[in-house]
Amino acid sequence: MHKNSDELPVWLIWKHEGWLVQLAIRSGARETRADGVLNDRLKLFVKAPPIEGRANQTIIVAIAEAIDTSRSQVHLVSGLKSKQKSVRIELPREAGARLSHQLASIGH
C-alpha cells in the first residue's frame, strides 16, 4: 500500500524509500516532453522510437536531466515493452513537491 500527499499529483507516489512515477508514453514525437495526464499517469511524449530500448533510454535520460540527478538514481521498474511505464527515482521524501514540478516541466 502506498500513501500520497494531497498536494502531489496522482502519478507521483512515495513508496519504499523512493518515488514511483507512473507514465503514459507516446513514442515517435517531435520532441521529448511532458504534456498533462492520461489515466492518472504523467503523459510523456518521447522523441526516440520504441526500437532496441531507445525510447526507454530516452525516458531515463530525460527524467535524470529534468530533476538534475544521475541516471543511476532513475530506474525503469515496469513496462519495459509497454506504453504504460513505472519509473523509480531514488530521492528523499522531502523532494516530492520539487520533483512533481520538474517532471511536469520536461521539455518546456
PDB file of N, CA and C in Angstrom:
ATOM      1  N   MET A   1       0.831  -1.186   0.000  1.00  0.00           N
ATOM      2  CA  MET A   1       0.000   0.000   0.000  1.00  0.00           C
ATOM      3  C   MET A   1       0.871   1.243   0.000  1.00  0.00           C
ATOM      4  N   HIS A   2       0.454   2.257  -0.718  1.00  0.00           N
ATOM      5  CA  HIS A   2       1.214   3.488  -0.742  1.00  0.00           C
ATOM      6  C   HIS A   2       0.336   4.650  -0.311  1.00  0.00           C
ATOM      7  N   LYS A   3       0.980   5.689   0.114  1.00  0.00           N
ATOM      8  CA  LYS A   3       0.269   6.878   0.536  1.00  0.00           C
ATOM      9  C   LYS A   3       0.871   8.070  -0.178  1.00  0.00           C
ATOM     10  N   ASN A   4       0.029   8.923  -0.701  1.00  0.00           N
ATOM     11  CA  ASN A   4       0.466  10.090  -1.446  1.00  0.00           C
ATOM     12  C   ASN A   4      -0.069  11.343  -0.774  1.00  0.00           C
ATOM     13  N   SER A   5       0.704  12.393  -0.760  1.00  0.00           N
ATOM     14  CA  SER A   5       0.279  13.658  -0.180  1.00  0.00           C
ATOM     15  C   SER A   5      -0.784  14.294  -1.068  1.00  0.00           C
ATOM     16  N   ASP A   6      -1.715  15.015  -0.469  1.00  0.00           N
ATOM     17  CA  ASP A   6      -2.795  15.649  -1.224  1.00  0.00           C
ATOM     18  C   ASP A   6      -2.291  16.649  -2.256  1.00  0.00           C
ATOM     19  N   GLU A   7      -1.164  17.308  -1.987  1.00  0.00           N
ATOM     20  CA  GLU A   7      -0.694  18.323  -2.918  1.00  0.00           C
ATOM     21  C   GLU A   7       0.084  17.750  -4.097  1.00  0.00           C
ATOM     22  N   LEU A   8       0.429  16.499  -4.054  1.00  0.00           N
ATOM     23  CA  LEU A   8       1.172  15.883  -5.145  1.00  0.00           C
ATOM     24  C   LEU A   8       0.225  15.259  -6.167  1.00  0.00           C
ATOM     25  N   PRO A   9       0.652  15.230  -7.439  1.00  0.00           N
ATOM     26  CA  PRO A   9      -0.207  14.605  -8.461  1.00  0.00           C
ATOM     27  C   PRO A   9      -0.334  13.105  -8.237  1.00  0.00           C
ATOM     28  N   VAL A  10      -1.404  12.549  -8.744  1.00  0.00           N
ATOM     29  CA  VAL A  10      -1.701  11.130  -8.551  1.00  0.00           C
ATOM     30  C   VAL A  10      -0.627  10.230  -9.170  1.00  0.00           C
ATOM     31  N   TRP A  11       0.080  10.710 -10.166  1.00  0.00           N
ATOM     32  CA  TRP A  11       1.097   9.906 -10.858  1.00  0.00           C
ATOM     33  C   TRP A  11       2.436   9.852 -10.125  1.00  0.00           C
ATOM     34  N   LEU A  12       2.575  10.588  -9.026  1.00  0.00           N
ATOM     35  CA  LEU A  12       3.820  10.600  -8.254  1.00  0.00           C
ATOM     36  C   LEU A  12       3.552  10.023  -6.868  1.00  0.00           C
ATOM     37  N   ILE A  13       4.170   8.885  -6.557  1.00  0.00           N
ATOM     38  CA  ILE A  13       3.850   8.125  -5.349  1.00  0.00           C
ATOM     39  C   ILE A  13       5.113   7.857  -4.538  1.00  0.00           C
ATOM     40  N   TRP A  14       5.045   8.142  -3.251  1.00  0.00           N
ATOM     41  CA  TRP A  14       6.141   7.780  -2.344  1.00  0.00           C
ATOM     42  C   TRP A  14       5.961   6.323  -1.969  1.00  0.00           C
ATOM     43  N   LYS A  15       6.960   5.497  -2.235  1.00  0.00           N
ATOM     44  CA  LYS A  15       6.826   4.072  -1.983  1.00  0.00           C
ATOM     45  C   LYS A  15       8.191   3.455  -1.702  1.00  0.00           C
ATOM     46  N   HIS A  16       8.316   2.787  -0.586  1.00  0.00           N
ATOM     47  CA  HIS A  16       9.535   2.040  -0.250  1.00  0.00           C
ATOM     48  C   HIS A  16      10.804   2.888  -0.369  1.00  0.00           C
ATOM     49  N   GLU A  17      10.823   4.003   0.300  1.00  0.00           N
ATOM     50  CA  GLU A  17      12.020   4.851   0.356  1.00  0.00           C
ATOM     51  C   GLU A  17      12.451   5.419  -0.995  1.00  0.00           C
ATOM     52  N   GLY A  18      11.506   5.646  -1.881  1.00  0.00           N
ATOM     53  CA  GLY A  18      11.804   6.264  -3.171  1.00  0.00           C
ATOM     54  C   GLY A  18      10.507   6.714  -3.829  1.00  0.00           C
ATOM     55  N   TRP A  19      10.629   7.406  -4.924  1.00  0.00           N
ATOM     56  CA  TRP A  19       9.465   7.912  -5.660  1.00  0.00           C
ATOM     57  C   TRP A  19       9.148   7.019  -6.847  1.00  0.00           C
ATOM     58  N   LEU A  20       7.875   6.715  -7.018  1.00  0.00           N
ATOM     59  CA  LEU A  20       7.394   5.950  -8.160  1.00  0.00           C
ATOM     60  C   LEU A  20       6.634   6.916  -9.063  1.00  0.00           C
ATOM     61  N   VAL A  21       7.045   6.990 -10.314  1.00  0.00           N
ATOM     62  CA  VAL A  21       6.407   7.867 -11.289  1.00  0.00           C
ATOM     63  C   VAL A  21       5.676   6.988 -12.296  1.00  0.00           C
ATOM     64  N   GLN A  22       4.374   7.182 -12.409  1.00  0.00           N
ATOM     65  CA  GLN A  22       3.548   6.437 -13.357  1.00  0.00           C
ATOM     66  C   GLN A  22       3.494   7.233 -14.661  1.00  0.00           C
ATOM     67  N   LEU A  23       3.903   6.612 -15.766  1.00  0.00           N
ATOM     68  CA  LEU A  23       3.988   7.302 -17.054  1.00  0.00           C
ATOM     69  C   LEU A  23       3.089   6.670 -18.107  1.00  0.00           C
ATOM     70  N   ALA A  24       2.536   7.517 -18.962  1.00  0.00           N
ATOM     71  CA  ALA A  24       1.845   7.090 -20.181  1.00  0.00           C
ATOM     72  C   ALA A  24       2.714   7.604 -21.323  1.00  0.00           C
ATOM     73  N   ILE A  25       3.287   6.705 -22.102  1.00  0.00           N
ATOM     74  CA  ILE A  25       4.293   7.059 -23.107  1.00  0.00           C
ATOM     75  C   ILE A  25       3.678   7.131 -24.499  1.00  0.00           C
ATOM     76  N   ARG A  26       4.095   8.144 -25.233  1.00  0.00           N
ATOM     77  CA  ARG A  26       3.775   8.277 -26.655  1.00  0.00           C
ATOM     78  C   ARG A  26       5.112   8.454 -27.363  1.00  0.00           C
ATOM     79  N   SER A  27       5.577   7.427 -28.050  1.00  0.00           N
ATOM     80  CA  SER A  27       6.899   7.485 -28.692  1.00  0.00           C
ATOM     81  C   SER A  27       6.783   8.026 -30.112  1.00  0.00           C
ATOM     82  N   GLY A  28       7.933   8.380 -30.676  1.00  0.00           N
ATOM     83  CA  GLY A  28       7.985   8.893 -32.041  1.00  0.00           C
ATOM     84  C   GLY A  28       7.542  10.339 -32.164  1.00  0.00           C
ATOM     85  N   ALA A  29       7.602  11.106 -31.081  1.00  0.00           N
ATOM     86  CA  ALA A  29       7.187  12.510 -31.082  1.00  0.00           C
ATOM     87  C   ALA A  29       8.290  13.392 -31.672  1.00  0.00           C
ATOM     88  N   ARG A  30       7.961  14.643 -31.971  1.00  0.00           N
ATOM     89  CA  ARG A  30       8.959  15.586 -32.488  1.00  0.00           C
ATOM     90  C   ARG A  30      10.001  15.932 -31.439  1.00  0.00           C
ATOM     91  N   GLU A  31       9.588  15.912 -30.164  1.00  0.00           N
ATOM     92  CA  GLU A  31      10.499  16.222 -29.069  1.00  0.00           C
ATOM     93  C   GLU A  31      10.061  15.453 -27.829  1.00  0.00           C
ATOM     94  N   THR A  32      10.983  15.277 -26.899  1.00  0.00           N
ATOM     95  CA  THR A  32      10.649  14.627 -25.642  1.00  0.00           C
ATOM     96  C   THR A  32      10.133  15.689 -24.687  1.00  0.00           C
ATOM     97  N   ARG A  33       8.865  15.513 -24.237  1.00  0.00           N
ATOM     98  CA  ARG A  33       8.265  16.499 -23.340  1.00  0.00           C
ATOM     99  C   ARG A  33       7.080  15.899 -22.591  1.00  0.00           C
ATOM    100  N   ALA A  34       6.862  16.412 -21.405  1.00  0.00           N
ATOM    101  CA  ALA A  34       5.685  16.035 -20.623  1.00  0.00           C
ATOM    102  C   ALA A  34       4.522  16.910 -21.080  1.00  0.00           C
ATOM    103  N   ASP A  35       3.332  16.329 -21.090  1.00  0.00           N
ATOM    104  CA  ASP A  35       2.169  17.103 -21.533  1.00  0.00           C
ATOM    105  C   ASP A  35       0.895  16.575 -20.896  1.00  0.00           C
ATOM    106  N   GLY A  36       0.660  16.960 -19.648  1.00  0.00           N
ATOM    107  CA  GLY A  36      -0.589  16.622 -18.989  1.00  0.00           C
ATOM    108  C   GLY A  36      -0.624  15.235 -18.386  1.00  0.00           C
ATOM    109  N   VAL A  37      -1.862  14.768 -18.188  1.00  0.00           N
ATOM    110  CA  VAL A  37      -2.099  13.499 -17.513  1.00  0.00           C
ATOM    111  C   VAL A  37      -3.053  12.663 -18.355  1.00  0.00           C
ATOM    112  N   LEU A  38      -2.796  11.368 -18.403  1.00  0.00           N
ATOM    113  CA  LEU A  38      -3.669  10.426 -19.095  1.00  0.00           C
ATOM    114  C   LEU A  38      -3.863   9.215 -18.194  1.00  0.00           C
ATOM    115  N   ASN A  39      -5.089   8.929 -17.821  1.00  0.00           N
ATOM    116  CA  ASN A  39      -5.398   7.777 -16.952  1.00  0.00           C
ATOM    117  C   ASN A  39      -4.548   7.761 -15.685  1.00  0.00           C
ATOM    118  N   ASP A  40      -4.465   8.892 -15.010  1.00  0.00           N
ATOM    119  CA  ASP A  40      -3.702   9.041 -13.758  1.00  0.00           C
ATOM    120  C   ASP A  40      -2.209   8.825 -13.927  1.00  0.00           C
ATOM    121  N   ARG A  41      -1.704   9.022 -15.126  1.00  0.00           N
ATOM    122  CA  ARG A  41      -0.273   8.892 -15.402  1.00  0.00           C
ATOM    123  C   ARG A  41       0.209  10.173 -16.075  1.00  0.00           C
ATOM    124  N   LEU A  42       1.458  10.545 -15.794  1.00  0.00           N
ATOM    125  CA  LEU A  42       2.063  11.680 -16.473  1.00  0.00           C
ATOM    126  C   LEU A  42       2.263  11.289 -17.934  1.00  0.00           C
ATOM    127  N   LYS A  43       1.710  12.086 -18.836  1.00  0.00           N
ATOM    128  CA  LYS A  43       1.837  11.802 -20.263  1.00  0.00           C
ATOM    129  C   LYS A  43       3.185  12.338 -20.738  1.00  0.00           C
ATOM    130  N   LEU A  44       4.002  11.445 -21.282  1.00  0.00           N
ATOM    131  CA  LEU A  44       5.340  11.817 -21.735  1.00  0.00           C
ATOM    132  C   LEU A  44       5.500  11.439 -23.200  1.00  0.00           C
ATOM    133  N   PHE A  45       5.694  12.462 -24.031  1.00  0.00           N
ATOM    134  CA  PHE A  45       5.986  12.241 -25.443  1.00  0.00           C
ATOM    135  C   PHE A  45       7.486  12.031 -25.560  1.00  0.00           C
ATOM    136  N   VAL A  46       7.894  10.991 -26.292  1.00  0.00           N
ATOM    137  CA  VAL A  46       9.300  10.621 -26.394  1.00  0.00           C
ATOM    138  C   VAL A  46       9.723  10.663 -27.858  1.00  0.00           C
ATOM    139  N   LYS A  47      10.810  11.382 -28.119  1.00  0.00           N
ATOM    140  CA  LYS A  47      11.288  11.527 -29.497  1.00  0.00           C
ATOM    141  C   LYS A  47      11.805  10.210 -30.075  1.00  0.00           C
ATOM    142  N   ALA A  48      12.478   9.433 -29.271  1.00  0.00           N
ATOM    143  CA  ALA A  48      13.084   8.187 -29.756  1.00  0.00           C
ATOM    144  C   ALA A  48      12.017   7.136 -30.066  1.00  0.00           C
ATOM    145  N   PRO A  49      12.284   6.297 -31.060  1.00  0.00           N
ATOM    146  CA  PRO A  49      11.344   5.213 -31.377  1.00  0.00           C
ATOM    147  C   PRO A  49      11.484   4.073 -30.370  1.00  0.00           C
ATOM    148  N   PRO A  50      10.433   3.264 -30.235  1.00  0.00           N
ATOM    149  CA  PRO A  50      10.488   2.136 -29.293  1.00  0.00           C
ATOM    150  C   PRO A  50      11.209   0.925 -29.897  1.00  0.00           C
ATOM    151  N   ILE A  51      12.419   1.145 -30.361  1.00  0.00           N
ATOM    152  CA  ILE A  51      13.211   0.106 -31.009  1.00  0.00           C
ATOM    153  C   ILE A  51      14.500  -0.086 -30.213  1.00  0.00           C
ATOM    154  N   GLU A  52      14.799  -1.344 -29.891  1.00  0.00           N
ATOM    155  CA  GLU A  52      16.032  -1.696 -29.182  1.00  0.00           C
ATOM    156  C   GLU A  52      16.244  -0.881 -27.908  1.00  0.00           C
ATOM    157  N   GLY A  53      15.167  -0.549 -27.211  1.00  0.00           N
ATOM    158  CA  GLY A  53      15.270   0.135 -25.935  1.00  0.00           C
ATOM    159  C   GLY A  53      15.585   1.620 -26.019  1.00  0.00           C
ATOM    160  N   ARG A  54      15.573   2.185 -27.224  1.00  0.00           N
ATOM    161  CA  ARG A  54      15.920   3.603 -27.373  1.00  0.00           C
ATOM    162  C   ARG A  54      14.948   4.525 -26.648  1.00  0.00           C
ATOM    163  N   ALA A  55      13.661   4.250 -26.741  1.00  0.00           N
ATOM    164  CA  ALA A  55      12.676   5.096 -26.050  1.00  0.00           C
ATOM    165  C   ALA A  55      12.860   4.998 -24.537  1.00  0.00           C
ATOM    166  N   ASN A  56      13.079   3.798 -24.030  1.00  0.00           N
ATOM    167  CA  ASN A  56      13.283   3.621 -22.585  1.00  0.00           C
ATOM    168  C   ASN A  56      14.515   4.389 -22.110  1.00  0.00           C
ATOM    169  N   GLN A  57      15.578   4.330 -22.874  1.00  0.00           N
ATOM    170  CA  GLN A  57      16.796   5.059 -22.500  1.00  0.00           C
ATOM    171  C   GLN A  57      16.549   6.563 -22.533  1.00  0.00           C
ATOM    172  N   THR A  58      15.813   7.032 -23.522  1.00  0.00           N
ATOM    173  CA  THR A  58      15.487   8.458 -23.617  1.00  0.00           C
ATOM    174  C   THR A  58      14.676   8.905 -22.413  1.00  0.00           C
ATOM    175  N   ILE A  59      13.764   8.068 -21.964  1.00  0.00           N
ATOM    176  CA  ILE A  59      12.950   8.384 -20.787  1.00  0.00           C
ATOM    177  C   ILE A  59      13.844   8.554 -19.559  1.00  0.00           C
ATOM    178  N   ILE A  60      14.754   7.624 -19.345  1.00  0.00           N
ATOM    179  CA  ILE A  60      15.659   7.683 -18.195  1.00  0.00           C
ATOM    180  C   ILE A  60      16.498   8.959 -18.245  1.00  0.00           C
ATOM    181  N   VAL A  61      17.073   9.255 -19.399  1.00  0.00           N
ATOM    182  CA  VAL A  61      17.914  10.439 -19.563  1.00  0.00           C
ATOM    183  C   VAL A  61      17.092  11.711 -19.340  1.00  0.00           C
ATOM    184  N   ALA A  62      15.913  11.801 -19.931  1.00  0.00           N
ATOM    185  CA  ALA A  62      15.077  12.997 -19.798  1.00  0.00           C
ATOM    186  C   ALA A  62      14.700  13.252 -18.343  1.00  0.00           C
ATOM    187  N   ILE A  63      14.342  12.195 -17.626  1.00  0.00           N
ATOM    188  CA  ILE A  63      13.972  12.348 -16.218  1.00  0.00           C
ATOM    189  C   ILE A  63      15.184  12.763 -15.392  1.00  0.00           C
ATOM    190  N   ALA A  64      16.314  12.096 -15.577  1.00  0.00           N
ATOM    191  CA  ALA A  64      17.524  12.434 -14.815  1.00  0.00           C
ATOM    192  C   ALA A  64      17.941  13.883 -15.056  1.00  0.00           C
ATOM    193  N   GLU A  65      17.893  14.321 -16.301  1.00  0.00           N
ATOM    194  CA  GLU A  65      18.259  15.705 -16.611  1.00  0.00           C
ATOM    195  C   GLU A  65      17.253  16.688 -16.016  1.00  0.00           C
ATOM    196  N   ALA A  66      15.978  16.380 -16.097  1.00  0.00           N
ATOM    197  CA  ALA A  66      14.943  17.287 -15.578  1.00  0.00           C
ATOM    198  C   ALA A  66      15.046  17.490 -14.074  1.00  0.00           C
ATOM    199  N   ILE A  67      15.434  16.433 -13.360  1.00  0.00           N
ATOM    200  CA  ILE A  67      15.499  16.538 -11.899  1.00  0.00           C
ATOM    201  C   ILE A  67      16.922  16.755 -11.409  1.00  0.00           C
ATOM    202  N   ASP A  68      17.856  16.924 -12.344  1.00  0.00           N
ATOM    203  CA  ASP A  68      19.256  17.213 -12.036  1.00  0.00           C
ATOM    204  C   ASP A  68      19.868  16.174 -11.099  1.00  0.00           C
ATOM    205  N   THR A  69      19.777  14.924 -11.529  1.00  0.00           N
ATOM    206  CA  THR A  69      20.375  13.825 -10.772  1.00  0.00           C
ATOM    207  C   THR A  69      21.062  12.867 -11.741  1.00  0.00           C
ATOM    208  N   SER A  70      21.774  11.914 -11.228  1.00  0.00           N
ATOM    209  CA  SER A  70      22.460  10.959 -12.104  1.00  0.00           C
ATOM    210  C   SER A  70      21.470   9.911 -12.626  1.00  0.00           C
ATOM    211  N   ARG A  71      21.791   9.362 -13.757  1.00  0.00           N
ATOM    212  CA  ARG A  71      20.945   8.318 -14.359  1.00  0.00           C
ATOM    213  C   ARG A  71      20.860   7.095 -13.461  1.00  0.00           C
ATOM    214  N   SER A  72      21.858   6.868 -12.645  1.00  0.00           N
ATOM    215  CA  SER A  72      21.865   5.689 -11.774  1.00  0.00           C
ATOM    216  C   SER A  72      20.805   5.771 -10.680  1.00  0.00           C
ATOM    217  N   GLN A  73      20.195   6.929 -10.485  1.00  0.00           N
ATOM    218  CA  GLN A  73      19.141   7.079  -9.485  1.00  0.00           C
ATOM    219  C   GLN A  73      17.744   6.948 -10.097  1.00  0.00           C
ATOM    220  N   VAL A  74      17.680   6.707 -11.397  1.00  0.00           N
ATOM    221  CA  VAL A  74      16.410   6.590 -12.122  1.00  0.00           C
ATOM    222  C   VAL A  74      16.336   5.189 -12.720  1.00  0.00           C
ATOM    223  N   HIS A  75      15.303   4.429 -12.367  1.00  0.00           N
ATOM    224  CA  HIS A  75      15.197   3.032 -12.803  1.00  0.00           C
ATOM    225  C   HIS A  75      13.818   2.755 -13.404  1.00  0.00           C
ATOM    226  N   LEU A  76      13.796   2.134 -14.562  1.00  0.00           N
ATOM    227  CA  LEU A  76      12.547   1.662 -15.144  1.00  0.00           C
ATOM    228  C   LEU A  76      12.191   0.367 -14.417  1.00  0.00           C
ATOM    229  N   VAL A  77      11.067   0.364 -13.690  1.00  0.00           N
ATOM    230  CA  VAL A  77      10.722  -0.809 -12.881  1.00  0.00           C
ATOM    231  C   VAL A  77       9.586  -1.635 -13.466  1.00  0.00           C
ATOM    232  N   SER A  78       8.821  -1.065 -14.387  1.00  0.00           N
ATOM    233  CA  SER A  78       7.801  -1.866 -15.067  1.00  0.00           C
ATOM    234  C   SER A  78       7.434  -1.214 -16.392  1.00  0.00           C
ATOM    235  N   GLY A  79       6.963  -2.040 -17.321  1.00  0.00           N
ATOM    236  CA  GLY A  79       6.529  -1.550 -18.620  1.00  0.00           C
ATOM    237  C   GLY A  79       7.628  -1.483 -19.663  1.00  0.00           C
ATOM    238  N   LEU A  80       8.602  -2.371 -19.560  1.00  0.00           N
ATOM    239  CA  LEU A  80       9.737  -2.365 -20.484  1.00  0.00           C
ATOM    240  C   LEU A  80       9.286  -2.272 -21.945  1.00  0.00           C
ATOM    241  N   LYS A  81       8.241  -3.019 -22.306  1.00  0.00           N
ATOM    242  CA  LYS A  81       7.748  -3.019 -23.691  1.00  0.00           C
ATOM    243  C   LYS A  81       6.308  -2.531 -23.770  1.00  0.00           C
ATOM    244  N   SER A  82       5.931  -1.665 -22.847  1.00  0.00           N
ATOM    245  CA  SER A  82       4.561  -1.174 -22.771  1.00  0.00           C
ATOM    246  C   SER A  82       4.534   0.348 -22.877  1.00  0.00           C
ATOM    247  N   LYS A  83       3.380   0.894 -23.218  1.00  0.00           N
ATOM    248  CA  LYS A  83       3.207   2.346 -23.238  1.00  0.00           C
ATOM    249  C   LYS A  83       2.920   2.879 -21.833  1.00  0.00           C
ATOM    250  N   GLN A  84       2.635   1.992 -20.903  1.00  0.00           N
ATOM    251  CA  GLN A  84       2.448   2.379 -19.508  1.00  0.00           C
ATOM    252  C   GLN A  84       3.662   1.890 -18.732  1.00  0.00           C
ATOM    253  N   LYS A  85       4.413   2.838 -18.212  1.00  0.00           N
ATOM    254  CA  LYS A  85       5.661   2.505 -17.531  1.00  0.00           C
ATOM    255  C   LYS A  85       5.662   3.076 -16.125  1.00  0.00           C
ATOM    256  N   SER A  86       6.470   2.474 -15.274  1.00  0.00           N
ATOM    257  CA  SER A  86       6.710   2.994 -13.938  1.00  0.00           C
ATOM    258  C   SER A  86       8.208   3.166 -13.768  1.00  0.00           C
ATOM    259  N   VAL A  87       8.580   4.320 -13.250  1.00  0.00           N
ATOM    260  CA  VAL A  87       9.979   4.649 -13.035  1.00  0.00           C
ATOM    261  C   VAL A  87      10.171   4.941 -11.557  1.00  0.00           C
ATOM    262  N   ARG A  88      11.226   4.386 -10.982  1.00  0.00           N
ATOM    263  CA  ARG A  88      11.565   4.635  -9.583  1.00  0.00           C
ATOM    264  C   ARG A  88      12.721   5.618  -9.536  1.00  0.00           C
ATOM    265  N   ILE A  89      12.567   6.630  -8.676  1.00  0.00           N
ATOM    266  CA  ILE A  89      13.600   7.643  -8.511  1.00  0.00           C
ATOM    267  C   ILE A  89      14.063   7.624  -7.063  1.00  0.00           C
ATOM    268  N   GLU A  90      15.354   7.485  -6.885  1.00  0.00           N
ATOM    269  CA  GLU A  90      15.941   7.431  -5.555  1.00  0.00           C
ATOM    270  C   GLU A  90      16.231   8.845  -5.063  1.00  0.00           C
ATOM    271  N   LEU A  91      15.239   9.467  -4.469  1.00  0.00           N
ATOM    272  CA  LEU A  91      15.379  10.785  -3.853  1.00  0.00           C
ATOM    273  C   LEU A  91      14.617  10.772  -2.534  1.00  0.00           C
ATOM    274  N   PRO A  92      14.963  11.644  -1.595  1.00  0.00           N
ATOM    275  CA  PRO A  92      14.275  11.661  -0.310  1.00  0.00           C
ATOM    276  C   PRO A  92      12.827  12.133  -0.424  1.00  0.00           C
ATOM    277  N   ARG A  93      12.051  11.781   0.554  1.00  0.00           N
ATOM    278  CA  ARG A  93      10.632  12.136   0.571  1.00  0.00           C
ATOM    279  C   ARG A  93      10.405  13.642   0.459  1.00  0.00           C
ATOM    280  N   GLU A  94      11.310  14.431   1.042  1.00  0.00           N
ATOM    281  CA  GLU A  94      11.173  15.895   1.019  1.00  0.00           C
ATOM    282  C   GLU A  94      11.236  16.465  -0.398  1.00  0.00           C
ATOM    283  N   ALA A  95      11.726  15.704  -1.342  1.00  0.00           N
ATOM    284  CA  ALA A  95      11.892  16.184  -2.715  1.00  0.00           C
ATOM    285  C   ALA A  95      10.592  16.141  -3.517  1.00  0.00           C
ATOM    286  N   GLY A  96       9.497  15.665  -2.936  1.00  0.00           N
ATOM    287  CA  GLY A  96       8.257  15.439  -3.673  1.00  0.00           C
ATOM    288  C   GLY A  96       7.723  16.619  -4.447  1.00  0.00           C
ATOM    289  N   ALA A  97       7.558  17.769  -3.801  1.00  0.00           N
ATOM    290  CA  ALA A  97       6.978  18.935  -4.474  1.00  0.00           C
ATOM    291  C   ALA A  97       7.881  19.403  -5.620  1.00  0.00           C
ATOM    292  N   ARG A  98       9.181  19.475  -5.361  1.00  0.00           N
ATOM    293  CA  ARG A  98      10.135  19.885  -6.392  1.00  0.00           C
ATOM    294  C   ARG A  98      10.126  18.887  -7.538  1.00  0.00           C
ATOM    295  N   LEU A  99      10.117  17.604  -7.206  1.00  0.00           N
ATOM    296  CA  LEU A  99      10.117  16.540  -8.192  1.00  0.00           C
ATOM    297  C   LEU A  99       8.879  16.621  -9.089  1.00  0.00           C
ATOM    298  N   SER A 100       7.744  16.857  -8.496  1.00  0.00           N
ATOM    299  CA  SER A 100       6.492  16.972  -9.247  1.00  0.00           C
ATOM    300  C   SER A 100       6.586  18.078 -10.288  1.00  0.00           C
ATOM    301  N   HIS A 101       7.075  19.226  -9.887  1.00  0.00           N
ATOM    302  CA  HIS A 101       7.198  20.367 -10.798  1.00  0.00           C
ATOM    303  C   HIS A 101       8.213  20.075 -11.900  1.00  0.00           C
ATOM    304  N   GLN A 102       9.362  19.524 -11.530  1.00  0.00           N
ATOM    305  CA  GLN A 102      10.414  19.250 -12.510  1.00  0.00           C
ATOM    306  C   GLN A 102       9.974  18.231 -13.559  1.00  0.00           C
ATOM    307  N   LEU A 103       9.294  17.182 -13.133  1.00  0.00           N
ATOM    308  CA  LEU A 103       8.839  16.160 -14.071  1.00  0.00           C
ATOM    309  C   LEU A 103       7.764  16.686 -15.003  1.00  0.00           C
ATOM    310  N   ALA A 104       6.834  17.448 -14.473  1.00  0.00           N
ATOM    311  CA  ALA A 104       5.764  18.009 -15.308  1.00  0.00           C
ATOM    312  C   ALA A 104       6.297  19.030 -16.299  1.00  0.00           C
ATOM    313  N   SER A 105       7.516  19.521 -16.074  1.00  0.00           N
ATOM    314  CA  SER A 105       8.123  20.536 -16.948  1.00  0.00           C
ATOM    315  C   SER A 105       9.119  19.968 -17.958  1.00  0.00           C
ATOM    316  N   ILE A 106       9.238  18.656 -18.064  1.00  0.00           N
ATOM    317  CA  ILE A 106      10.180  18.065 -19.020  1.00  0.00           C
ATOM    318  C   ILE A 106       9.884  18.599 -20.418  1.00  0.00           C
ATOM    319  N   GLY A 107      10.918  19.143 -21.046  1.00  0.00           N
ATOM    320  CA  GLY A 107      10.789  19.627 -22.419  1.00  0.00           C
ATOM    321  C   GLY A 107      10.195  21.001 -22.554  1.00  0.00           C
ATOM    322  N   HIS A 108       9.902  21.658 -21.459  1.00  0.00           N
ATOM    323  CA  HIS A 108       9.287  23.002 -21.526  1.00  0.00           C
ATOM    324  C   HIS A 108      10.271  24.072 -21.162  1.00  0.00           C
TER     325      HIS A 108
END
